[in-house]
Amino acid sequence: MNPTVKKIITSSILCCLSILSYSQETVEMTLDKAVAYALKNSDEIKIALLNIEDAEQRILETRATGLPQINGEAAYNRYLKIPTSALPEAFVNASRDAEGNLPEGFSNQITFALKNNFQAGVNLRTMVFDGSFFTGLKAASLYRNLVQDELAAKQQAIQNRVITAYLPVILLTENLKILDKNIANIEQLRMETNALYKEGFVEQLDVDRLELSSANLQVEKENLERQVATTMNTLKQIMNFPIETELIIQDNLGRTVPVPAKEDLEGEIDYYKRREYKVAETGIELNTLNESYVKNLYLPSLNLNLSYNQMFQGNKIFDDPNSFWAPTGIIGLSLNVPIFDGFGKKAKIQRAQLTTEIARTQHRQFARAIDTEVANARVDYQSAFQRVESQQRNLALAEKIYSTTQIKYKEGVGSSLEIAQAEQSLFSAQRNHLQALYDLLIAKLSLDVALGN
């Protein structure tokens, strides 16, 4: 085999193996790690960071308009045919002799240019006064603050989306673990009952009931496994995580029951903890600066101009006694005074004022919306907390009933129907308890989002 072909085949095999190994990689993930991964790999965050860099460059661009602008220029021209001008009639008449004749070789055409022309110079222009400059510079700095607040708001939103997608995975995974445990219990009981049936102590009906319960639990397990897969894919998509890589969730719902601070449940609302509120307020400030900027357009502007140029003319570039350099230097001021613009600036000012008033109204609306959101989140959390306490009591009772039913069945004073019913009640209580814990976590998340924690 050709060594080059062999090398290509070997590289391709290694590449395929590396892809296969990556697709089979397993990553353990906690909620904190999931949030950190999402923040690091989010395209929204990358765009927000680019917007911040753009805002920094915008400040430099605005500042540059108030600094001296220096430009150099050079130009070279060669006349293929030198332009001529006609002499005035009076000059021609003055050249005649007493008899009215012109001198020999006299021409009434004259040229004022030489064949080669070269010009080079430096021009400087700088602002002396412009009322809109400093307003624009302040607005550019304020815009930078705005995009920084928007970055923080996006980070908080991504964190909330990851948590919202992560919790259902935990809920379904916990349900799956409980279901596996219940399947193991019912299978153990089914085998024991089948042994008793063979000895003639129980009926075939008892075995059939337990087999039906086991089959129903298997169907439920398959449904849960599909739900886990789809919710896991949703979580990966939000995290911007490779879909082919397996995630193993390390958290569980019962590890930490969230208890908010008393201030979160009863205290005054700090609106500035909500990044969106700060963004809206910065928008009002930008609109106010826009009003000032338009008003400053009524003020005169003054600029300083300075230029220095050298001009060369000659029929020959070298060794031409008629060639010469002519320097030129100019310094001056230019004043621009707005007088009448057809009421264009007045209309711009009124539009800017209307925009500012709209922003203030929206800001007040957002504050009222926060009040409602916080009030509802506090009620929902209290309700969810009470449901958890209630479901804990129900779970304890269901576990007690199931344990008693098992004892009665093994002692021969209970039936398989009672076992199946108790098992179903226990599984239902377990699921309800997990659902209550999940609802409590969601309620705590909603409260944190409303408060801006």
Protein backbone atom coordinates (compact mmCIF):
# COMPACT_ATOMS: atom_id res chain seq x y z
CA MET A 1 0.00 0.00 0.00
CA ASN A 2 1.15 3.52 -0.77
CA PRO A 3 2.56 5.10 2.45
CA THR A 4 0.61 8.32 1.85
CA VAL A 5 -2.68 6.44 1.39
CA LYS A 6 -1.93 4.36 4.46
CA LYS A 7 -1.30 7.51 6.48
CA ILE A 8 -4.60 9.04 5.33
CA ILE A 9 -6.56 5.89 6.22
CA THR A 10 -4.91 5.73 9.65
CA SER A 11 -5.70 9.40 10.34
CA SER A 12 -9.32 8.88 9.28
CA ILE A 13 -9.71 5.89 11.60
CA LEU A 14 -8.23 7.80 14.52
CA CYS A 15 -10.53 10.74 13.79
CA CYS A 16 -13.59 8.48 13.74
CA LEU A 17 -12.52 6.84 16.99
CA SER A 18 -12.05 10.23 18.64
CA ILE A 19 -15.52 11.33 17.51
CA LEU A 20 -17.02 8.08 18.77
CA SER A 21 -15.29 8.40 22.11
CA TYR A 22 -16.48 11.98 22.47
CA SER A 23 -20.05 11.03 21.63
CA GLN A 24 -19.87 8.34 24.33
CA GLU A 25 -18.40 10.72 26.91
CA THR A 26 -20.30 11.09 30.15
CA VAL A 27 -20.32 14.35 32.10
CA GLU A 28 -21.55 14.71 35.65
CA MET A 29 -23.45 17.93 36.20
CA THR A 30 -24.78 19.85 39.18
CA LEU A 31 -27.05 22.86 38.96
CA ASP A 32 -24.21 25.28 39.69
CA LYS A 33 -22.04 23.64 37.03
CA ALA A 34 -24.89 23.74 34.53
CA VAL A 35 -25.41 27.47 35.09
CA ALA A 36 -21.67 28.17 34.83
CA TYR A 37 -21.43 26.14 31.60
CA ALA A 38 -24.39 27.94 30.06
CA LEU A 39 -23.00 31.38 30.94
CA LYS A 40 -19.62 30.48 29.47
CA ASN A 41 -20.98 29.05 26.21
CA SER A 42 -24.06 31.19 25.61
CA ASP A 43 -24.14 32.98 22.26
CA GLU A 44 -26.29 35.70 23.86
CA ILE A 45 -23.54 36.42 26.38
CA LYS A 46 -20.92 36.50 23.64
CA ILE A 47 -23.02 39.02 21.68
CA ALA A 48 -23.53 41.11 24.84
CA LEU A 49 -19.77 41.17 25.46
CA LEU A 50 -19.22 42.28 21.86
CA ASN A 51 -21.79 45.04 22.41
CA ILE A 52 -19.78 46.23 25.41
CA GLU A 53 -16.62 46.35 23.31
CA ASP A 54 -18.57 48.22 20.62
CA ALA A 55 -19.70 50.73 23.26
CA GLU A 56 -16.07 51.28 24.30
CA GLN A 57 -15.12 51.97 20.70
CA ARG A 58 -18.12 54.29 20.34
CA ILE A 59 -16.77 56.40 23.20
CA LEU A 60 -13.38 56.64 21.47
CA GLU A 61 -15.08 57.51 18.18
CA THR A 62 -17.12 60.29 19.81
CA ARG A 63 -14.09 61.65 21.65
CA ALA A 64 -12.09 61.72 18.42
CA THR A 65 -14.48 64.28 16.90
CA GLY A 66 -13.29 66.84 19.46
CA LEU A 67 -9.57 66.18 18.96
CA PRO A 68 -7.38 67.77 16.26
CA GLN A 69 -7.74 66.19 12.84
CA ILE A 70 -4.47 66.23 10.88
CA ASN A 71 -4.30 65.25 7.22
CA GLY A 72 -1.47 65.27 4.71
CA GLU A 73 -2.02 65.61 0.98
CA ALA A 74 0.09 65.55 -2.15
CA ALA A 75 -0.65 65.95 -5.84
CA TYR A 76 1.39 65.89 -9.04
CA ASN A 77 0.24 67.12 -12.48
CA ARG A 78 2.03 67.41 -15.84
CA TYR A 79 0.55 69.40 -18.66
CA LEU A 80 0.56 67.54 -21.95
CA LYS A 81 -0.51 70.84 -23.51
CA ILE A 82 -0.04 73.98 -21.49
CA PRO A 83 -3.16 76.19 -21.43
CA THR A 84 -2.80 79.69 -22.82
CA SER A 85 -4.68 82.96 -22.34
CA ALA A 86 -5.25 85.87 -24.70
CA LEU A 87 -3.54 89.18 -23.90
CA PRO A 88 -5.80 92.16 -23.30
CA GLU A 89 -6.29 94.42 -26.34
CA ALA A 90 -4.77 97.36 -24.49
CA PHE A 91 -1.58 95.38 -23.86
CA VAL A 92 -1.37 94.44 -27.55
CA ASN A 93 -1.84 98.07 -28.67
CA ALA A 94 0.78 99.25 -26.24
CA SER A 95 3.25 96.85 -27.86
CA ARG A 96 2.89 98.46 -31.32
CA ASP A 97 5.58 100.82 -32.68
CA ALA A 98 4.99 104.31 -34.03
CA GLU A 99 3.79 102.86 -37.27
CA GLY A 100 1.37 100.55 -35.55
CA ASN A 101 3.29 97.32 -36.19
CA LEU A 102 3.85 94.60 -33.60
CA PRO A 103 7.36 93.39 -32.84
CA GLU A 104 8.64 90.37 -34.77
CA GLY A 105 7.54 87.11 -33.21
CA PHE A 106 4.97 88.84 -31.03
CA SER A 107 1.98 86.68 -29.99
CA ASN A 108 -1.22 87.81 -28.40
CA GLN A 109 -1.34 84.54 -26.39
CA ILE A 110 0.52 83.91 -23.15
CA THR A 111 0.83 81.01 -20.68
CA PHE A 112 1.14 81.30 -16.89
CA ALA A 113 1.87 77.63 -16.16
CA LEU A 114 4.88 75.32 -16.41
CA LYS A 115 4.69 71.70 -17.50
CA ASN A 116 5.33 70.07 -14.08
CA ASN A 117 3.32 70.92 -10.99
CA PHE A 118 3.73 69.25 -7.58
CA GLN A 119 1.95 70.23 -4.39
CA ALA A 120 2.25 68.82 -0.85
CA GLY A 121 0.89 70.07 2.44
CA VAL A 122 -0.43 69.41 5.94
CA ASN A 123 -3.86 70.52 7.18
CA LEU A 124 -5.03 70.70 10.78
CA ARG A 125 -8.61 71.22 11.91
CA THR A 126 -9.73 71.16 15.53
CA MET A 127 -12.87 72.00 17.40
CA VAL A 128 -12.71 75.08 19.61
CA PHE A 129 -16.33 75.01 20.80
CA ASP A 130 -19.31 72.78 20.05
CA GLY A 131 -22.11 72.50 22.59
CA SER A 132 -23.24 69.09 21.34
CA PHE A 133 -19.80 67.46 21.70
CA PHE A 134 -19.75 66.95 25.46
CA THR A 135 -23.39 65.86 25.47
CA GLY A 136 -22.59 63.23 22.86
CA LEU A 137 -19.56 62.06 24.83
CA LYS A 138 -21.64 61.69 27.98
CA ALA A 139 -24.32 59.80 26.05
CA ALA A 140 -21.69 57.39 24.69
CA SER A 141 -20.45 56.68 28.24
CA LEU A 142 -24.02 56.19 29.42
CA TYR A 143 -24.65 53.79 26.55
CA ARG A 144 -21.71 51.72 27.77
CA ASN A 145 -23.38 51.47 31.19
CA LEU A 146 -26.60 50.44 29.44
CA VAL A 147 -25.04 47.51 27.57
CA GLN A 148 -23.26 46.42 30.76
CA ASP A 149 -26.61 46.33 32.56
CA GLU A 150 -28.07 44.43 29.62
CA LEU A 151 -25.26 41.87 29.96
CA ALA A 152 -26.11 41.36 33.64
CA ALA A 153 -29.80 41.02 32.75
CA LYS A 154 -29.01 38.41 30.08
CA GLN A 155 -26.82 36.49 32.53
CA GLN A 156 -29.67 36.43 35.06
CA ALA A 157 -32.16 35.37 32.38
CA ILE A 158 -29.93 32.52 31.19
CA GLN A 159 -29.42 31.36 34.77
CA ASN A 160 -33.18 31.31 35.30
CA ARG A 161 -33.76 29.39 32.07
CA VAL A 162 -31.17 26.78 33.03
CA ILE A 163 -32.72 26.33 36.48
CA THR A 164 -36.20 26.09 34.98
CA ALA A 165 -35.00 23.39 32.54
CA TYR A 166 -32.84 21.61 35.14
CA LEU A 167 -35.51 21.09 37.81
CA PRO A 168 -37.87 18.98 35.63
CA VAL A 169 -34.96 16.65 34.87
CA ILE A 170 -34.41 16.18 38.62
CA LEU A 171 -38.13 15.62 39.18
CA LEU A 172 -38.41 12.97 36.48
CA THR A 173 -35.16 11.32 37.52
CA GLU A 174 -36.34 11.12 41.13
CA ASN A 175 -39.66 9.68 39.99
CA LEU A 176 -37.76 7.12 37.95
CA LYS A 177 -35.69 6.08 40.97
CA ILE A 178 -38.82 5.67 43.10
CA LEU A 179 -40.48 3.72 40.32
CA ASP A 180 -37.50 1.37 40.06
CA LYS A 181 -37.66 0.80 43.80
CA ASN A 182 -41.39 0.08 43.64
CA ILE A 183 -40.89 -2.27 40.69
CA ALA A 184 -38.25 -4.15 42.67
CA ASN A 185 -40.61 -4.40 45.65
CA ILE A 186 -43.56 -5.61 43.58
CA GLU A 187 -41.36 -8.09 41.74
CA GLN A 188 -40.10 -9.49 45.03
CA LEU A 189 -43.65 -9.76 46.31
CA ARG A 190 -44.78 -11.37 43.03
CA MET A 191 -42.08 -14.05 43.29
CA GLU A 192 -42.99 -14.76 46.91
CA THR A 193 -46.69 -14.95 45.98
CA ASN A 194 -45.93 -17.24 43.05
CA ALA A 195 -44.06 -19.55 45.40
CA LEU A 196 -47.05 -19.56 47.77
CA TYR A 197 -49.33 -20.30 44.82
CA LYS A 198 -47.27 -23.34 43.89
CA GLU A 199 -47.65 -24.53 47.48
CA GLY A 200 -51.40 -23.98 47.24
CA PHE A 201 -51.64 -21.22 49.85
CA VAL A 202 -52.90 -18.46 47.48
CA GLU A 203 -54.98 -18.26 44.33
CA GLN A 204 -53.86 -17.63 40.76
CA LEU A 205 -55.77 -14.34 40.95
CA ASP A 206 -53.32 -13.04 43.54
CA VAL A 207 -50.39 -13.76 41.23
CA ASP A 208 -52.17 -12.20 38.24
CA ARG A 209 -52.91 -8.98 40.13
CA LEU A 210 -49.27 -8.56 41.08
CA GLU A 211 -48.14 -9.30 37.52
CA LEU A 212 -50.56 -6.67 36.23
CA SER A 213 -49.24 -4.14 38.75
CA SER A 214 -45.67 -4.92 37.69
CA ALA A 215 -46.55 -4.55 34.01
CA ASN A 216 -48.27 -1.22 34.61
CA LEU A 217 -45.21 0.04 36.47
CA GLN A 218 -42.97 -1.03 33.59
CA VAL A 219 -45.10 0.94 31.14
CA GLU A 220 -44.94 3.94 33.48
CA LYS A 221 -41.15 3.55 33.64
CA GLU A 222 -40.82 3.56 29.85
CA ASN A 223 -42.88 6.75 29.66
CA LEU A 224 -40.72 8.40 32.32
CA GLU A 225 -37.52 7.40 30.53
CA ARG A 226 -38.77 9.06 27.34
CA GLN A 227 -39.69 12.20 29.29
CA VAL A 228 -36.26 12.26 30.91
CA ALA A 229 -34.61 12.04 27.48
CA THR A 230 -36.65 14.90 26.01
CA THR A 231 -36.26 17.19 29.05
CA MET A 232 -32.53 16.42 29.11
CA ASN A 233 -32.24 17.44 25.45
CA THR A 234 -34.05 20.68 26.24
CA LEU A 235 -31.60 21.36 29.06
CA LYS A 236 -28.63 20.69 26.76
CA GLN A 237 -30.05 23.05 24.16
CA ILE A 238 -30.42 25.86 26.71
CA MET A 239 -26.89 25.20 28.01
CA ASN A 240 -25.50 25.06 24.45
CA PHE A 241 -24.19 21.62 25.43
CA PRO A 242 -23.33 18.87 22.86
CA ILE A 243 -26.49 16.85 22.33
CA GLU A 244 -24.57 13.59 21.84
CA THR A 245 -22.77 13.79 25.20
CA GLU A 246 -24.50 12.09 28.12
CA LEU A 247 -25.28 14.18 31.21
CA ILE A 248 -25.60 12.64 34.65
CA ILE A 249 -27.52 14.79 37.13
CA GLN A 250 -26.06 14.72 40.64
CA ASP A 251 -28.68 16.77 42.49
CA ASN A 252 -31.97 15.69 44.00
CA LEU A 253 -35.07 17.62 45.02
CA GLY A 254 -34.90 16.74 48.67
CA ARG A 255 -31.29 17.78 49.21
CA THR A 256 -32.12 21.37 50.04
CA VAL A 257 -35.56 22.78 50.74
CA PRO A 258 -35.23 26.51 49.97
CA VAL A 259 -36.17 28.89 52.76
CA PRO A 260 -36.14 32.54 51.68
CA ALA A 261 -35.15 35.30 54.06
CA LYS A 262 -37.87 37.07 55.98
CA GLU A 263 -37.01 40.24 54.08
CA ASP A 264 -37.81 38.47 50.80
CA LEU A 265 -41.26 37.50 52.05
CA GLU A 266 -42.22 40.69 53.86
CA GLY A 267 -39.70 43.47 53.16
CA GLU A 268 -39.75 46.46 50.86
CA ILE A 269 -39.03 45.86 47.21
CA ASP A 270 -35.64 47.03 45.94
CA TYR A 271 -36.40 47.77 42.30
CA TYR A 272 -32.76 48.30 41.42
CA LYS A 273 -32.02 44.63 42.05
CA ARG A 274 -33.98 44.01 38.86
CA ARG A 275 -31.53 44.62 36.03
CA GLU A 276 -34.37 45.37 33.63
CA TYR A 277 -35.48 48.24 35.89
CA LYS A 278 -31.99 49.74 35.77
CA VAL A 279 -31.87 49.31 32.00
CA ALA A 280 -35.19 51.15 31.67
CA GLU A 281 -33.94 53.96 33.90
CA THR A 282 -30.75 54.29 31.86
CA GLY A 283 -32.93 54.53 28.76
CA ILE A 284 -34.67 57.56 30.30
CA GLU A 285 -31.30 59.19 30.96
CA LEU A 286 -30.25 58.58 27.36
CA ASN A 287 -33.45 60.16 26.09
CA THR A 288 -32.89 63.17 28.36
CA LEU A 289 -29.35 63.54 26.98
CA ASN A 290 -30.78 63.36 23.47
CA GLU A 291 -32.98 66.34 24.31
CA SER A 292 -29.91 68.29 25.47
CA TYR A 293 -28.00 67.25 22.37
CA VAL A 294 -30.70 68.55 20.02
CA LYS A 295 -31.00 71.80 21.98
CA ASN A 296 -27.23 72.33 21.77
CA LEU A 297 -27.52 72.28 17.98
CA TYR A 298 -28.89 75.84 18.32
CA LEU A 299 -25.51 76.98 19.69
CA PRO A 300 -22.74 78.29 17.39
CA SER A 301 -19.75 76.07 16.68
CA LEU A 302 -16.19 77.35 16.28
CA ASN A 303 -13.32 75.51 14.60
CA LEU A 304 -9.64 76.29 14.13
CA ASN A 305 -8.06 75.62 10.72
CA LEU A 306 -4.32 75.51 10.03
CA SER A 307 -2.63 74.49 6.79
CA TYR A 308 0.84 74.64 5.26
CA ASN A 309 1.57 73.77 1.61
CA GLN A 310 4.58 73.71 -0.76
CA MET A 311 4.06 74.01 -4.52
CA PHE A 312 6.66 73.24 -7.18
CA GLN A 313 6.41 74.37 -10.83
CA GLY A 314 8.85 73.84 -13.66
CA ASN A 315 9.13 72.71 -17.28
CA LYS A 316 11.76 70.21 -16.14
CA ILE A 317 11.92 68.40 -12.84
CA PHE A 318 15.71 68.68 -12.70
CA ASP A 319 18.08 71.42 -13.90
CA ASP A 320 15.40 73.92 -14.80
CA PRO A 321 16.46 77.47 -13.96
CA ASN A 322 12.84 78.60 -14.29
CA SER A 323 11.50 76.10 -11.72
CA PHE A 324 10.58 77.28 -8.24
CA TRP A 325 8.98 76.25 -4.91
CA ALA A 326 6.16 78.40 -3.57
CA PRO A 327 5.21 77.91 0.14
CA THR A 328 1.76 78.77 1.48
CA GLY A 329 0.65 78.94 5.14
CA ILE A 330 -2.87 79.67 6.37
CA ILE A 331 -4.41 79.93 9.83
CA GLY A 332 -8.04 80.81 10.43
CA LEU A 333 -11.24 80.31 12.39
CA SER A 334 -14.57 79.15 11.04
CA LEU A 335 -17.77 80.06 12.88
CA ASN A 336 -21.07 78.39 12.16
CA VAL A 337 -24.16 80.16 13.55
CA PRO A 338 -27.54 78.45 13.06
CA ILE A 339 -30.14 81.04 12.11
CA PHE A 340 -33.18 79.32 10.61
CA ASP A 341 -33.72 75.67 9.70
CA GLY A 342 -37.42 75.63 8.91
CA PHE A 343 -38.29 74.66 12.53
CA GLY A 344 -36.53 71.30 12.03
CA LYS A 345 -34.66 71.45 15.36
CA LYS A 346 -37.81 72.46 17.20
CA ALA A 347 -39.59 69.38 15.88
CA LYS A 348 -36.60 67.21 16.89
CA ILE A 349 -36.69 68.62 20.42
CA GLN A 350 -40.42 67.95 20.75
CA ARG A 351 -39.98 64.39 19.48
CA ALA A 352 -37.14 63.82 21.95
CA GLN A 353 -39.32 65.13 24.79
CA LEU A 354 -42.17 62.85 23.76
CA THR A 355 -39.82 59.86 23.64
CA THR A 356 -38.56 60.68 27.12
CA GLU A 357 -42.10 60.93 28.49
CA ILE A 358 -43.00 57.58 26.91
CA ALA A 359 -39.91 56.01 28.54
CA ARG A 360 -40.88 57.46 31.94
CA THR A 361 -44.42 56.08 31.61
CA GLN A 362 -43.10 52.63 30.68
CA HIS A 363 -40.72 52.82 33.63
CA ARG A 364 -43.61 53.46 36.03
CA GLN A 365 -45.59 50.63 34.43
CA PHE A 366 -42.67 48.28 34.94
CA ALA A 367 -42.42 49.25 38.62
CA ARG A 368 -46.13 48.42 39.11
CA ALA A 369 -45.62 45.14 37.27
CA ILE A 370 -42.77 44.27 39.67
CA ASP A 371 -45.06 45.00 42.63
CA THR A 372 -47.67 42.57 41.28
CA GLU A 373 -45.07 39.96 40.36
CA VAL A 374 -43.49 40.01 43.81
CA ALA A 375 -46.87 39.89 45.59
CA ASN A 376 -47.97 36.87 43.55
CA ALA A 377 -44.60 35.13 43.97
CA ARG A 378 -44.79 35.52 47.75
CA VAL A 379 -48.29 34.02 47.85
CA ASP A 380 -47.25 31.15 45.57
CA TYR A 381 -44.23 30.36 47.73
CA GLN A 382 -46.25 30.27 50.94
CA SER A 383 -48.81 28.02 49.26
CA ALA A 384 -46.12 25.71 47.87
CA PHE A 385 -44.43 25.48 51.27
CA GLN A 386 -47.72 24.45 52.89
CA ARG A 387 -48.27 21.80 50.18
CA VAL A 388 -44.85 20.30 50.91
CA GLU A 389 -45.69 19.99 54.60
CA SER A 390 -49.06 18.40 53.74
CA GLN A 391 -47.55 15.95 51.26
CA GLN A 392 -44.85 14.97 53.76
CA ARG A 393 -47.58 13.93 56.19
CA ASN A 394 -49.43 12.06 53.44
CA LEU A 395 -46.26 10.24 52.41
CA ALA A 396 -45.56 9.15 55.96
CA LEU A 397 -49.10 7.84 56.25
CA ALA A 398 -48.90 6.00 52.89
CA GLU A 399 -45.60 4.37 53.92
CA LYS A 400 -47.18 3.25 57.20
CA ILE A 401 -50.22 1.78 55.40
CA TYR A 402 -48.03 -0.04 52.88
CA SER A 403 -45.83 -1.50 55.62
CA THR A 404 -48.88 -2.67 57.60
CA THR A 405 -50.46 -4.18 54.50
CA GLN A 406 -47.29 -6.14 53.73
CA ILE A 407 -47.19 -7.53 57.27
CA LYS A 408 -50.85 -8.56 57.09
CA TYR A 409 -50.34 -10.24 53.70
CA LYS A 410 -47.32 -12.21 54.86
CA GLU A 411 -49.22 -13.32 57.95
CA GLY A 412 -52.07 -14.52 55.77
CA VAL A 413 -54.69 -12.03 56.95
CA GLY A 414 -54.42 -9.69 53.95
CA SER A 415 -55.01 -9.98 50.22
CA SER A 416 -52.96 -9.21 47.12
CA LEU A 417 -55.61 -6.63 46.20
CA GLU A 418 -54.86 -4.71 49.38
CA ILE A 419 -51.14 -4.93 48.58
CA ALA A 420 -51.69 -3.57 45.05
CA GLN A 421 -53.88 -0.76 46.34
CA ALA A 422 -51.44 0.16 49.09
CA GLU A 423 -48.54 0.07 46.63
CA GLN A 424 -50.41 2.33 44.21
CA SER A 425 -51.29 4.74 47.02
CA LEU A 426 -47.65 4.82 48.15
CA PHE A 427 -46.39 5.51 44.65
CA SER A 428 -48.97 8.25 44.24
CA ALA A 429 -47.95 9.80 47.58
CA GLN A 430 -44.28 9.64 46.60
CA ARG A 431 -44.96 11.36 43.28
CA ASN A 432 -47.13 14.00 44.93
CA HIS A 433 -44.41 14.69 47.48
CA LEU A 434 -41.80 15.10 44.74
CA GLN A 435 -44.15 17.31 42.77
CA ALA A 436 -44.70 19.46 45.86
CA LEU A 437 -40.93 19.81 46.32
CA TYR A 438 -40.59 20.71 42.64
CA ASP A 439 -43.38 23.30 42.93
CA LEU A 440 -41.61 24.75 45.97
CA LEU A 441 -38.34 25.09 44.05
CA ILE A 442 -40.15 26.72 41.14
CA ALA A 443 -41.94 29.08 43.54
CA LYS A 444 -38.61 30.00 45.15
CA LEU A 445 -37.11 30.60 41.70
CA SER A 446 -40.08 32.81 40.73
CA LEU A 447 -39.67 34.77 43.97
CA ASP A 448 -35.96 35.27 43.32
CA VAL A 449 -36.65 36.38 39.76
CA ALA A 450 -39.32 38.83 40.91
CA LEU A 451 -37.02 40.29 43.59
CA GLY A 452 -33.95 40.26 41.36
CA ASN A 453 -31.95 38.04 43.72
